[in-house]
PDB file of N, CA and C in Angstrom:
ATOM      1  N   MET A   1     -61.611 -42.697  -3.457  1.00  0.00           N
ATOM      2  CA  MET A   1     -60.676 -43.794  -3.607  1.00  0.00           C
ATOM      3  C   MET A   1     -61.156 -44.789  -4.674  1.00  0.00           C
ATOM      4  N   ARG A   2     -62.445 -45.066  -4.660  1.00  0.00           N
ATOM      5  CA  ARG A   2     -62.967 -46.036  -5.625  1.00  0.00           C
ATOM      6  C   ARG A   2     -62.784 -45.531  -7.051  1.00  0.00           C
ATOM      7  N   LEU A   3     -63.106 -44.269  -7.286  1.00  0.00           N
ATOM      8  CA  LEU A   3     -62.938 -43.692  -8.615  1.00  0.00           C
ATOM      9  C   LEU A   3     -61.463 -43.682  -9.003  1.00  0.00           C
ATOM     10  N   GLY A   4     -60.603 -43.317  -8.080  1.00  0.00           N
ATOM     11  CA  GLY A   4     -59.167 -43.281  -8.352  1.00  0.00           C
ATOM     12  C   GLY A   4     -58.618 -44.655  -8.699  1.00  0.00           C
ATOM     13  N   GLY A   5     -59.172 -45.714  -8.075  1.00  0.00           N
ATOM     14  CA  GLY A   5     -58.716 -47.072  -8.357  1.00  0.00           C
ATOM     15  C   GLY A   5     -58.993 -47.487  -9.783  1.00  0.00           C
ATOM     16  N   GLY A   6     -60.013 -46.931 -10.387  1.00  0.00           N
ATOM     17  CA  GLY A   6     -60.335 -47.257 -11.774  1.00  0.00           C
ATOM     18  C   GLY A   6     -59.703 -46.310 -12.769  1.00  0.00           C
ATOM     19  N   GLN A   7     -58.919 -45.371 -12.289  1.00  0.00           N
ATOM     20  CA  GLN A   7     -58.327 -44.373 -13.177  1.00  0.00           C
ATOM     21  C   GLN A   7     -56.816 -44.543 -13.300  1.00  0.00           C
ATOM     22  N   GLY A   8     -56.345 -45.763 -13.151  1.00  0.00           N
ATOM     23  CA  GLY A   8     -54.913 -46.026 -13.256  1.00  0.00           C
ATOM     24  C   GLY A   8     -54.435 -46.008 -14.694  1.00  0.00           C
ATOM     25  N   ALA A   9     -53.364 -46.693 -14.922  1.00  0.00           N
ATOM     26  CA  ALA A   9     -52.705 -46.659 -16.234  1.00  0.00           C
ATOM     27  C   ALA A   9     -53.624 -47.077 -17.387  1.00  0.00           C
ATOM     28  N   TRP A  10     -54.497 -48.046 -17.169  1.00  0.00           N
ATOM     29  CA  TRP A  10     -55.355 -48.528 -18.254  1.00  0.00           C
ATOM     30  C   TRP A  10     -56.796 -48.077 -18.096  1.00  0.00           C
ATOM     31  N   GLN A  11     -57.089 -47.220 -17.154  1.00  0.00           N
ATOM     32  CA  GLN A  11     -58.444 -46.692 -16.953  1.00  0.00           C
ATOM     33  C   GLN A  11     -59.452 -47.795 -16.674  1.00  0.00           C
ATOM     34  N   ALA A  12     -59.049 -48.816 -15.946  1.00  0.00           N
ATOM     35  CA  ALA A  12     -59.958 -49.918 -15.638  1.00  0.00           C
ATOM     36  C   ALA A  12     -59.627 -50.504 -14.271  1.00  0.00           C
ATOM     37  N   ALA A  13     -60.630 -51.004 -13.605  1.00  0.00           N
ATOM     38  CA  ALA A  13     -60.420 -51.651 -12.307  1.00  0.00           C
ATOM     39  C   ALA A  13     -59.897 -53.073 -12.524  1.00  0.00           C
ATOM     40  N   GLU A  14     -58.884 -53.468 -11.759  1.00  0.00           N
ATOM     41  CA  GLU A  14     -58.252 -54.769 -11.949  1.00  0.00           C
ATOM     42  C   GLU A  14     -59.194 -55.921 -11.633  1.00  0.00           C
ATOM     43  N   PHE A  15     -59.994 -55.810 -10.575  1.00  0.00           N
ATOM     44  CA  PHE A  15     -60.885 -56.907 -10.212  1.00  0.00           C
ATOM     45  C   PHE A  15     -61.849 -57.225 -11.352  1.00  0.00           C
ATOM     46  N   ASN A  16     -62.366 -56.193 -12.010  1.00  0.00           N
ATOM     47  CA  ASN A  16     -63.284 -56.419 -13.133  1.00  0.00           C
ATOM     48  C   ASN A  16     -62.582 -57.114 -14.288  1.00  0.00           C
ATOM     49  N   SER A  17     -61.356 -56.709 -14.567  1.00  0.00           N
ATOM     50  CA  SER A  17     -60.609 -57.323 -15.660  1.00  0.00           C
ATOM     51  C   SER A  17     -60.329 -58.792 -15.381  1.00  0.00           C
ATOM     52  N   LEU A  18     -59.948 -59.107 -14.151  1.00  0.00           N
ATOM     53  CA  LEU A  18     -59.696 -60.504 -13.794  1.00  0.00           C
ATOM     54  C   LEU A  18     -60.967 -61.339 -13.915  1.00  0.00           C
ATOM     55  N   ALA A  19     -62.064 -60.801 -13.429  1.00  0.00           N
ATOM     56  CA  ALA A  19     -63.330 -61.531 -13.495  1.00  0.00           C
ATOM     57  C   ALA A  19     -63.742 -61.764 -14.944  1.00  0.00           C
ATOM     58  N   ARG A  20     -63.517 -60.779 -15.803  1.00  0.00           N
ATOM     59  CA  ARG A  20     -63.844 -60.921 -17.223  1.00  0.00           C
ATOM     60  C   ARG A  20     -63.039 -62.064 -17.850  1.00  0.00           C
ATOM     61  N   THR A  21     -61.771 -62.155 -17.474  1.00  0.00           N
ATOM     62  CA  THR A  21     -60.911 -63.225 -17.988  1.00  0.00           C
ATOM     63  C   THR A  21     -61.469 -64.585 -17.606  1.00  0.00           C
ATOM     64  N   ALA A  22     -61.854 -64.726 -16.338  1.00  0.00           N
ATOM     65  CA  ALA A  22     -62.379 -66.015 -15.869  1.00  0.00           C
ATOM     66  C   ALA A  22     -63.699 -66.354 -16.538  1.00  0.00           C
ATOM     67  N   ALA A  23     -64.484 -65.366 -16.861  1.00  0.00           N
ATOM     68  CA  ALA A  23     -65.783 -65.610 -17.481  1.00  0.00           C
ATOM     69  C   ALA A  23     -65.664 -65.864 -18.983  1.00  0.00           C
ATOM     70  N   LEU A  24     -64.759 -65.174 -19.645  1.00  0.00           N
ATOM     71  CA  LEU A  24     -64.670 -65.232 -21.100  1.00  0.00           C
ATOM     72  C   LEU A  24     -64.043 -66.512 -21.635  1.00  0.00           C
ATOM     73  N   TYR A  25     -62.844 -66.824 -21.207  1.00  0.00           N
ATOM     74  CA  TYR A  25     -62.098 -67.909 -21.837  1.00  0.00           C
ATOM     75  C   TYR A  25     -62.712 -69.292 -21.697  1.00  0.00           C
ATOM     76  N   PRO A  26     -63.169 -69.709 -20.526  1.00  0.00           N
ATOM     77  CA  PRO A  26     -63.712 -71.078 -20.461  1.00  0.00           C
ATOM     78  C   PRO A  26     -65.045 -71.242 -21.188  1.00  0.00           C
ATOM     79  N   HIS A  27     -65.759 -70.159 -21.444  1.00  0.00           N
ATOM     80  CA  HIS A  27     -67.109 -70.275 -21.991  1.00  0.00           C
ATOM     81  C   HIS A  27     -67.257 -69.741 -23.411  1.00  0.00           C
ATOM     82  N   ALA A  28     -66.176 -69.309 -24.019  1.00  0.00           N
ATOM     83  CA  ALA A  28     -66.253 -68.773 -25.376  1.00  0.00           C
ATOM     84  C   ALA A  28     -66.146 -69.928 -26.376  1.00  0.00           C
ATOM     85  N   PRO A  29     -67.230 -70.228 -27.076  1.00  0.00           N
ATOM     86  CA  PRO A  29     -67.170 -71.344 -28.030  1.00  0.00           C
ATOM     87  C   PRO A  29     -66.432 -70.940 -29.304  1.00  0.00           C
ATOM     88  N   PHE A  30     -65.776 -71.908 -29.898  1.00  0.00           N
ATOM     89  CA  PHE A  30     -65.119 -71.685 -31.181  1.00  0.00           C
ATOM     90  C   PHE A  30     -66.088 -72.059 -32.284  1.00  0.00           C
ATOM     91  N   PRO A  31     -66.028 -71.379 -33.418  1.00  0.00           N
ATOM     92  CA  PRO A  31     -66.871 -71.772 -34.548  1.00  0.00           C
ATOM     93  C   PRO A  31     -66.519 -73.200 -34.981  1.00  0.00           C
ATOM     94  N   GLU A  32     -67.500 -73.902 -35.499  1.00  0.00           N
ATOM     95  CA  GLU A  32     -67.296 -75.305 -35.888  1.00  0.00           C
ATOM     96  C   GLU A  32     -66.164 -75.475 -36.899  1.00  0.00           C
ATOM     97  N   HIS A  33     -65.976 -74.496 -37.785  1.00  0.00           N
ATOM     98  CA  HIS A  33     -64.958 -74.632 -38.824  1.00  0.00           C
ATOM     99  C   HIS A  33     -63.550 -74.267 -38.339  1.00  0.00           C
ATOM    100  N   ARG A  34     -63.433 -73.882 -37.075  1.00  0.00           N
ATOM    101  CA  ARG A  34     -62.121 -73.542 -36.524  1.00  0.00           C
ATOM    102  C   ARG A  34     -61.833 -74.444 -35.328  1.00  0.00           C
ATOM    103  N   GLN A  35     -60.728 -75.124 -35.374  1.00  0.00           N
ATOM    104  CA  GLN A  35     -60.316 -75.973 -34.274  1.00  0.00           C
ATOM    105  C   GLN A  35     -59.137 -75.312 -33.557  1.00  0.00           C
ATOM    106  N   PRO A  36     -59.273 -75.051 -32.277  1.00  0.00           N
ATOM    107  CA  PRO A  36     -58.174 -74.403 -31.559  1.00  0.00           C
ATOM    108  C   PRO A  36     -56.975 -75.337 -31.419  1.00  0.00           C
ATOM    109  N   ARG A  37     -55.796 -74.748 -31.434  1.00  0.00           N
ATOM    110  CA  ARG A  37     -54.575 -75.527 -31.239  1.00  0.00           C
ATOM    111  C   ARG A  37     -54.119 -75.493 -29.788  1.00  0.00           C
ATOM    112  N   CYS A  38     -54.394 -74.401 -29.124  1.00  0.00           N
ATOM    113  CA  CYS A  38     -53.917 -74.226 -27.745  1.00  0.00           C
ATOM    114  C   CYS A  38     -55.028 -74.364 -26.716  1.00  0.00           C
ATOM    115  N   MET A  39     -56.168 -73.779 -26.980  1.00  0.00           N
ATOM    116  CA  MET A  39     -57.249 -73.758 -26.001  1.00  0.00           C
ATOM    117  C   MET A  39     -58.152 -74.982 -26.154  1.00  0.00           C
ATOM    118  N   VAL A  40     -57.540 -76.135 -26.046  1.00  0.00           N
ATOM    119  CA  VAL A  40     -58.272 -77.398 -26.087  1.00  0.00           C
ATOM    120  C   VAL A  40     -58.754 -77.708 -24.672  1.00  0.00           C
ATOM    121  N   PRO A  41     -59.718 -78.587 -24.506  1.00  0.00           N
ATOM    122  CA  PRO A  41     -60.191 -78.897 -23.155  1.00  0.00           C
ATOM    123  C   PRO A  41     -59.030 -79.245 -22.215  1.00  0.00           C
ATOM    124  N   GLY A  42     -59.018 -78.613 -21.068  1.00  0.00           N
ATOM    125  CA  GLY A  42     -57.981 -78.855 -20.069  1.00  0.00           C
ATOM    126  C   GLY A  42     -56.764 -77.957 -20.187  1.00  0.00           C
ATOM    127  N   TRP A  43     -56.754 -77.032 -21.175  1.00  0.00           N
ATOM    128  CA  TRP A  43     -55.592 -76.161 -21.360  1.00  0.00           C
ATOM    129  C   TRP A  43     -55.282 -75.358 -20.113  1.00  0.00           C
ATOM    130  N   ASP A  44     -56.330 -74.875 -19.443  1.00  0.00           N
ATOM    131  CA  ASP A  44     -56.114 -74.033 -18.271  1.00  0.00           C
ATOM    132  C   ASP A  44     -55.526 -74.825 -17.109  1.00  0.00           C
ATOM    133  N   THR A  45     -56.011 -76.045 -16.901  1.00  0.00           N
ATOM    134  CA  THR A  45     -55.472 -76.872 -15.821  1.00  0.00           C
ATOM    135  C   THR A  45     -54.033 -77.257 -16.111  1.00  0.00           C
ATOM    136  N   GLU A  46     -53.730 -77.533 -17.366  1.00  0.00           N
ATOM    137  CA  GLU A  46     -52.353 -77.859 -17.741  1.00  0.00           C
ATOM    138  C   GLU A  46     -51.425 -76.665 -17.506  1.00  0.00           C
ATOM    139  N   LEU A  47     -51.887 -75.482 -17.849  1.00  0.00           N
ATOM    140  CA  LEU A  47     -51.066 -74.279 -17.720  1.00  0.00           C
ATOM    141  C   LEU A  47     -50.959 -73.788 -16.280  1.00  0.00           C
ATOM    142  N   PHE A  48     -52.091 -73.709 -15.572  1.00  0.00           N
ATOM    143  CA  PHE A  48     -52.123 -73.102 -14.248  1.00  0.00           C
ATOM    144  C   PHE A  48     -52.152 -74.104 -13.096  1.00  0.00           C
ATOM    145  N   GLY A  49     -52.439 -75.360 -13.389  1.00  0.00           N
ATOM    146  CA  GLY A  49     -52.551 -76.353 -12.325  1.00  0.00           C
ATOM    147  C   GLY A  49     -53.945 -76.434 -11.735  1.00  0.00           C
ATOM    148  N   CYS A  50     -54.881 -75.705 -12.314  1.00  0.00           N
ATOM    149  CA  CYS A  50     -56.276 -75.705 -11.878  1.00  0.00           C
ATOM    150  C   CYS A  50     -57.096 -75.023 -12.960  1.00  0.00           C
ATOM    151  N   PRO A  51     -58.424 -75.134 -12.903  1.00  0.00           N
ATOM    152  CA  PRO A  51     -59.251 -74.417 -13.881  1.00  0.00           C
ATOM    153  C   PRO A  51     -59.051 -72.903 -13.780  1.00  0.00           C
ATOM    154  N   LEU A  52     -59.194 -72.215 -14.890  1.00  0.00           N
ATOM    155  CA  LEU A  52     -58.959 -70.771 -14.945  1.00  0.00           C
ATOM    156  C   LEU A  52     -59.745 -69.980 -13.894  1.00  0.00           C
ATOM    157  N   PRO A  53     -61.032 -70.262 -13.654  1.00  0.00           N
ATOM    158  CA  PRO A  53     -61.732 -69.499 -12.610  1.00  0.00           C
ATOM    159  C   PRO A  53     -61.092 -69.644 -11.229  1.00  0.00           C
ATOM    160  N   ASN A  54     -60.550 -70.810 -10.908  1.00  0.00           N
ATOM    161  CA  ASN A  54     -59.867 -70.984  -9.621  1.00  0.00           C
ATOM    162  C   ASN A  54     -58.563 -70.200  -9.578  1.00  0.00           C
ATOM    163  N   TYR A  55     -57.860 -70.164 -10.710  1.00  0.00           N
ATOM    164  CA  TYR A  55     -56.612 -69.390 -10.778  1.00  0.00           C
ATOM    165  C   TYR A  55     -56.906 -67.899 -10.584  1.00  0.00           C
ATOM    166  N   VAL A  56     -57.918 -67.414 -11.276  1.00  0.00           N
ATOM    167  CA  VAL A  56     -58.286 -65.997 -11.160  1.00  0.00           C
ATOM    168  C   VAL A  56     -58.778 -65.695  -9.750  1.00  0.00           C
ATOM    169  N   GLY A  57     -59.563 -66.595  -9.179  1.00  0.00           N
ATOM    170  CA  GLY A  57     -60.025 -66.398  -7.802  1.00  0.00           C
ATOM    171  C   GLY A  57     -58.872 -66.321  -6.819  1.00  0.00           C
ATOM    172  N   THR A  58     -57.869 -67.171  -6.997  1.00  0.00           N
ATOM    173  CA  THR A  58     -56.684 -67.129  -6.136  1.00  0.00           C
ATOM    174  C   THR A  58     -55.942 -65.812  -6.337  1.00  0.00           C
ATOM    175  N   THR A  59     -55.846 -65.371  -7.569  1.00  0.00           N
ATOM    176  CA  THR A  59     -55.206 -64.083  -7.865  1.00  0.00           C
ATOM    177  C   THR A  59     -55.930 -62.944  -7.149  1.00  0.00           C
ATOM    178  N   GLN A  60     -57.253 -62.958  -7.200  1.00  0.00           N
ATOM    179  CA  GLN A  60     -58.024 -61.915  -6.524  1.00  0.00           C
ATOM    180  C   GLN A  60     -57.837 -61.980  -5.011  1.00  0.00           C
ATOM    181  N   LEU A  61     -57.791 -63.170  -4.459  1.00  0.00           N
ATOM    182  CA  LEU A  61     -57.552 -63.338  -3.024  1.00  0.00           C
ATOM    183  C   LEU A  61     -56.192 -62.766  -2.638  1.00  0.00           C
ATOM    184  N   LEU A  62     -55.160 -63.115  -3.384  1.00  0.00           N
ATOM    185  CA  LEU A  62     -53.815 -62.609  -3.093  1.00  0.00           C
ATOM    186  C   LEU A  62     -53.757 -61.087  -3.197  1.00  0.00           C
ATOM    187  N   ARG A  63     -54.336 -60.555  -4.240  1.00  0.00           N
ATOM    188  CA  ARG A  63     -54.314 -59.113  -4.442  1.00  0.00           C
ATOM    189  C   ARG A  63     -55.066 -58.395  -3.324  1.00  0.00           C
ATOM    190  N   GLY A  64     -56.251 -58.879  -3.004  1.00  0.00           N
ATOM    191  CA  GLY A  64     -57.032 -58.252  -1.943  1.00  0.00           C
ATOM    192  C   GLY A  64     -56.322 -58.288  -0.609  1.00  0.00           C
ATOM    193  N   CYS A  65     -55.745 -59.422  -0.272  1.00  0.00           N
ATOM    194  CA  CYS A  65     -55.015 -59.524   0.998  1.00  0.00           C
ATOM    195  C   CYS A  65     -53.788 -58.619   1.001  1.00  0.00           C
ATOM    196  N   ALA A  66     -53.066 -58.598  -0.103  1.00  0.00           N
ATOM    197  CA  ALA A  66     -51.863 -57.762  -0.174  1.00  0.00           C
ATOM    198  C   ALA A  66     -52.199 -56.276  -0.074  1.00  0.00           C
ATOM    199  N   LEU A  67     -53.315 -55.860  -0.644  1.00  0.00           N
ATOM    200  CA  LEU A  67     -53.709 -54.450  -0.571  1.00  0.00           C
ATOM    201  C   LEU A  67     -53.922 -53.988   0.866  1.00  0.00           C
ATOM    202  N   PHE A  68     -54.408 -54.885   1.704  1.00  0.00           N
ATOM    203  CA  PHE A  68     -54.721 -54.515   3.079  1.00  0.00           C
ATOM    204  C   PHE A  68     -53.662 -54.942   4.089  1.00  0.00           C
ATOM    205  N   ASN A  69     -52.556 -55.520   3.607  1.00  0.00           N
ATOM    206  CA  ASN A  69     -51.509 -56.003   4.515  1.00  0.00           C
ATOM    207  C   ASN A  69     -50.120 -55.595   4.051  1.00  0.00           C
ATOM    208  N   ALA A  70     -49.977 -54.348   3.647  1.00  0.00           N
ATOM    209  CA  ALA A  70     -48.677 -53.785   3.260  1.00  0.00           C
ATOM    210  C   ALA A  70     -47.959 -54.637   2.211  1.00  0.00           C
ATOM    211  N   GLY A  71     -48.729 -55.167   1.253  1.00  0.00           N
ATOM    212  CA  GLY A  71     -48.127 -55.914   0.158  1.00  0.00           C
ATOM    213  C   GLY A  71     -47.820 -57.361   0.460  1.00  0.00           C
ATOM    214  N   ARG A  72     -48.256 -57.834   1.604  1.00  0.00           N
ATOM    215  CA  ARG A  72     -47.937 -59.214   2.001  1.00  0.00           C
ATOM    216  C   ARG A  72     -49.187 -60.083   2.041  1.00  0.00           C
ATOM    217  N   PHE A  73     -48.969 -61.378   1.841  1.00  0.00           N
ATOM    218  CA  PHE A  73     -50.034 -62.368   1.985  1.00  0.00           C
ATOM    219  C   PHE A  73     -49.562 -63.397   2.987  1.00  0.00           C
ATOM    220  N   ASP A  74     -50.357 -63.630   4.010  1.00  0.00           N
ATOM    221  CA  ASP A  74     -50.039 -64.632   5.026  1.00  0.00           C
ATOM    222  C   ASP A  74     -50.851 -65.883   4.725  1.00  0.00           C
ATOM    223  N   PRO A  75     -50.195 -66.981   4.347  1.00  0.00           N
ATOM    224  CA  PRO A  75     -50.937 -68.203   4.022  1.00  0.00           C
ATOM    225  C   PRO A  75     -51.781 -68.728   5.179  1.00  0.00           C
ATOM    226  N   ALA A  76     -51.501 -68.311   6.403  1.00  0.00           N
ATOM    227  CA  ALA A  76     -52.286 -68.764   7.553  1.00  0.00           C
ATOM    228  C   ALA A  76     -53.746 -68.318   7.450  1.00  0.00           C
ATOM    229  N   ILE A  77     -54.018 -67.333   6.609  1.00  0.00           N
ATOM    230  CA  ILE A  77     -55.402 -66.840   6.472  1.00  0.00           C
ATOM    231  C   ILE A  77     -56.342 -67.950   5.992  1.00  0.00           C
ATOM    232  N   VAL A  78     -55.829 -68.890   5.206  1.00  0.00           N
ATOM    233  CA  VAL A  78     -56.704 -69.944   4.687  1.00  0.00           C
ATOM    234  C   VAL A  78     -57.149 -70.912   5.777  1.00  0.00           C
ATOM    235  N   ASP A  79     -56.478 -70.890   6.921  1.00  0.00           N
ATOM    236  CA  ASP A  79     -56.859 -71.757   8.033  1.00  0.00           C
ATOM    237  C   ASP A  79     -57.664 -71.026   9.098  1.00  0.00           C
ATOM    238  N   GLY A  80     -57.868 -69.730   8.933  1.00  0.00           N
ATOM    239  CA  GLY A  80     -58.623 -68.938   9.901  1.00  0.00           C
ATOM    240  C   GLY A  80     -60.081 -68.804   9.507  1.00  0.00           C
ATOM    241  N   PRO A  81     -60.821 -67.959  10.246  1.00  0.00           N
ATOM    242  CA  PRO A  81     -62.244 -67.762   9.957  1.00  0.00           C
ATOM    243  C   PRO A  81     -62.502 -67.252   8.532  1.00  0.00           C
ATOM    244  N   ASP A  82     -61.641 -66.364   8.048  1.00  0.00           N
ATOM    245  CA  ASP A  82     -61.823 -65.871   6.679  1.00  0.00           C
ATOM    246  C   ASP A  82     -61.552 -66.969   5.653  1.00  0.00           C
ATOM    247  N   GLY A  83     -60.644 -67.876   5.981  1.00  0.00           N
ATOM    248  CA  GLY A  83     -60.328 -68.978   5.081  1.00  0.00           C
ATOM    249  C   GLY A  83     -61.533 -69.865   4.819  1.00  0.00           C
ATOM    250  N   ALA A  84     -62.372 -70.025   5.833  1.00  0.00           N
ATOM    251  CA  ALA A  84     -63.589 -70.830   5.658  1.00  0.00           C
ATOM    252  C   ALA A  84     -64.500 -70.194   4.617  1.00  0.00           C
ATOM    253  N   LYS A  85     -64.537 -68.863   4.572  1.00  0.00           N
ATOM    254  CA  LYS A  85     -65.347 -68.164   3.563  1.00  0.00           C
ATOM    255  C   LYS A  85     -64.767 -68.384   2.170  1.00  0.00           C
ATOM    256  N   PHE A  86     -63.455 -68.277   2.047  1.00  0.00           N
ATOM    257  CA  PHE A  86     -62.811 -68.477   0.753  1.00  0.00           C
ATOM    258  C   PHE A  86     -63.004 -69.912   0.274  1.00  0.00           C
ATOM    259  N   ASN A  87     -62.947 -70.846   1.224  1.00  0.00           N
ATOM    260  CA  ASN A  87     -63.027 -72.265   0.891  1.00  0.00           C
ATOM    261  C   ASN A  87     -64.354 -72.640   0.243  1.00  0.00           C
ATOM    262  N   ARG A  88     -65.381 -71.831   0.456  1.00  0.00           N
ATOM    263  CA  ARG A  88     -66.666 -72.108  -0.195  1.00  0.00           C
ATOM    264  C   ARG A  88     -66.574 -71.874  -1.695  1.00  0.00           C
ATOM    265  N   ALA A  89     -65.681 -70.998  -2.129  1.00  0.00           N
ATOM    266  CA  ALA A  89     -65.523 -70.695  -3.558  1.00  0.00           C
ATOM    267  C   ALA A  89     -64.378 -71.487  -4.181  1.00  0.00           C
ATOM    268  N   ILE A  90     -63.252 -71.549  -3.486  1.00  0.00           N
ATOM    269  CA  ILE A  90     -62.063 -72.239  -3.991  1.00  0.00           C
ATOM    270  C   ILE A  90     -61.451 -72.998  -2.822  1.00  0.00           C
ATOM    271  N   SER A  91     -61.122 -74.245  -3.032  1.00  0.00           N
ATOM    272  CA  SER A  91     -60.602 -75.046  -1.928  1.00  0.00           C
ATOM    273  C   SER A  91     -59.257 -74.537  -1.426  1.00  0.00           C
ATOM    274  N   ARG A  92     -59.027 -74.765  -0.150  1.00  0.00           N
ATOM    275  CA  ARG A  92     -57.763 -74.400   0.500  1.00  0.00           C
ATOM    276  C   ARG A  92     -56.588 -75.016  -0.268  1.00  0.00           C
ATOM    277  N   GLU A  93     -56.736 -76.279  -0.654  1.00  0.00           N
ATOM    278  CA  GLU A  93     -55.662 -76.982  -1.359  1.00  0.00           C
ATOM    279  C   GLU A  93     -55.350 -76.318  -2.705  1.00  0.00           C
ATOM    280  N   THR A  94     -56.392 -75.911  -3.412  1.00  0.00           N
ATOM    281  CA  THR A  94     -56.184 -75.238  -4.700  1.00  0.00           C
ATOM    282  C   THR A  94     -55.471 -73.913  -4.495  1.00  0.00           C
ATOM    283  N   VAL A  95     -55.928 -73.117  -3.536  1.00  0.00           N
ATOM    284  CA  VAL A  95     -55.299 -71.811  -3.273  1.00  0.00           C
ATOM    285  C   VAL A  95     -53.819 -71.996  -2.959  1.00  0.00           C
ATOM    286  N   LEU A  96     -53.497 -72.879  -2.036  1.00  0.00           N
ATOM    287  CA  LEU A  96     -52.094 -73.072  -1.647  1.00  0.00           C
ATOM    288  C   LEU A  96     -51.259 -73.647  -2.782  1.00  0.00           C
ATOM    289  N   SER A  97     -51.847 -74.532  -3.593  1.00  0.00           N
ATOM    290  CA  SER A  97     -51.124 -75.099  -4.726  1.00  0.00           C
ATOM    291  C   SER A  97     -50.821 -74.032  -5.780  1.00  0.00           C
ATOM    292  N   VAL A  98     -51.809 -73.210  -6.099  1.00  0.00           N
ATOM    293  CA  VAL A  98     -51.597 -72.151  -7.092  1.00  0.00           C
ATOM    294  C   VAL A  98     -50.554 -71.150  -6.594  1.00  0.00           C
ATOM    295  N   ILE A  99     -50.631 -70.796  -5.336  1.00  0.00           N
ATOM    296  CA  ILE A  99     -49.639 -69.865  -4.770  1.00  0.00           C
ATOM    297  C   ILE A  99     -48.244 -70.458  -4.895  1.00  0.00           C
ATOM    298  N   GLU A 100     -48.105 -71.715  -4.521  1.00  0.00           N
ATOM    299  CA  GLU A 100     -46.795 -72.367  -4.564  1.00  0.00           C
ATOM    300  C   GLU A 100     -46.263 -72.473  -5.990  1.00  0.00           C
ATOM    301  N   ARG A 101     -47.128 -72.848  -6.945  1.00  0.00           N
ATOM    302  CA  ARG A 101     -46.688 -73.041  -8.331  1.00  0.00           C
ATOM    303  C   ARG A 101     -46.432 -71.744  -9.081  1.00  0.00           C
ATOM    304  N   ARG A 102     -47.259 -70.702  -8.813  1.00  0.00           N
ATOM    305  CA  ARG A 102     -47.236 -69.524  -9.675  1.00  0.00           C
ATOM    306  C   ARG A 102     -46.856 -68.202  -9.024  1.00  0.00           C
ATOM    307  N   PHE A 103     -46.932 -68.110  -7.704  1.00  0.00           N
ATOM    308  CA  PHE A 103     -46.734 -66.805  -7.080  1.00  0.00           C
ATOM    309  C   PHE A 103     -45.608 -66.752  -6.057  1.00  0.00           C
ATOM    310  N   ALA A 104     -45.312 -67.846  -5.391  1.00  0.00           N
ATOM    311  CA  ALA A 104     -44.322 -67.830  -4.316  1.00  0.00           C
ATOM    312  C   ALA A 104     -42.919 -67.964  -4.868  1.00  0.00           C
ATOM    313  N   THR A 105     -42.003 -67.292  -4.227  1.00  0.00           N
ATOM    314  CA  THR A 105     -40.585 -67.399  -4.581  1.00  0.00           C
ATOM    315  C   THR A 105     -39.775 -66.996  -3.354  1.00  0.00           C
ATOM    316  N   ASP A 106     -38.488 -67.066  -3.462  1.00  0.00           N
ATOM    317  CA  ASP A 106     -37.635 -66.627  -2.363  1.00  0.00           C
ATOM    318  C   ASP A 106     -36.868 -65.368  -2.782  1.00  0.00           C
ATOM    319  N   VAL A 107     -36.272 -64.717  -1.810  1.00  0.00           N
ATOM    320  CA  VAL A 107     -35.579 -63.461  -2.075  1.00  0.00           C
ATOM    321  C   VAL A 107     -34.431 -63.666  -3.054  1.00  0.00           C
ATOM    322  N   ALA A 108     -33.704 -64.747  -2.928  1.00  0.00           N
ATOM    323  CA  ALA A 108     -32.572 -64.996  -3.812  1.00  0.00           C
ATOM    324  C   ALA A 108     -32.998 -65.076  -5.277  1.00  0.00           C
ATOM    325  N   SER A 109     -34.152 -65.689  -5.542  1.00  0.00           N
ATOM    326  CA  SER A 109     -34.635 -65.790  -6.915  1.00  0.00           C
ATOM    327  C   SER A 109     -34.995 -64.442  -7.498  1.00  0.00           C
ATOM    328  N   VAL A 110     -35.581 -63.591  -6.674  1.00  0.00           N
ATOM    329  CA  VAL A 110     -35.983 -62.270  -7.142  1.00  0.00           C
ATOM    330  C   VAL A 110     -34.782 -61.364  -7.353  1.00  0.00           C
ATOM    331  N   SER A 111     -33.813 -61.453  -6.445  1.00  0.00           N
ATOM    332  CA  SER A 111     -32.658 -60.553  -6.520  1.00  0.00           C
ATOM    333  C   SER A 111     -31.583 -61.048  -7.483  1.00  0.00           C
ATOM    334  N   GLY A 112     -31.711 -62.296  -7.967  1.00  0.00           N
ATOM    335  CA  GLY A 112     -30.752 -62.822  -8.931  1.00  0.00           C
ATOM    336  C   GLY A 112     -29.469 -63.313  -8.288  1.00  0.00           C
ATOM    337  N   ARG A 113     -29.492 -63.557  -7.000  1.00  0.00           N
ATOM    338  CA  ARG A 113     -28.270 -64.032  -6.308  1.00  0.00           C
ATOM    339  C   ARG A 113     -28.160 -65.515  -6.348  1.00  0.00           C
TER     340      ARG A 113
END
């Protein structure tokens, strides 16, 4: 199963790709002679509502929970024993805020009704 998970459409494991994103963008310095137009300090918080590592961490939490729960995520998990473990890395408030801003929707929005 583990090997098969890394042999999908892009031949890469998703968790590794997400972690690479969180590690690369906030810490990649620009050369002195180049000034970024978009990736200025705070760009990630402006775009995602939190720093990029917190956004990626929330994404990994959602994906992991959905994989083991028939594609569903129950927000009550953040208030249970497992939520206390997650809270050490990313606050409950950040997780719920990111979910609300970027991942949650209703059936009518998805179906176009």
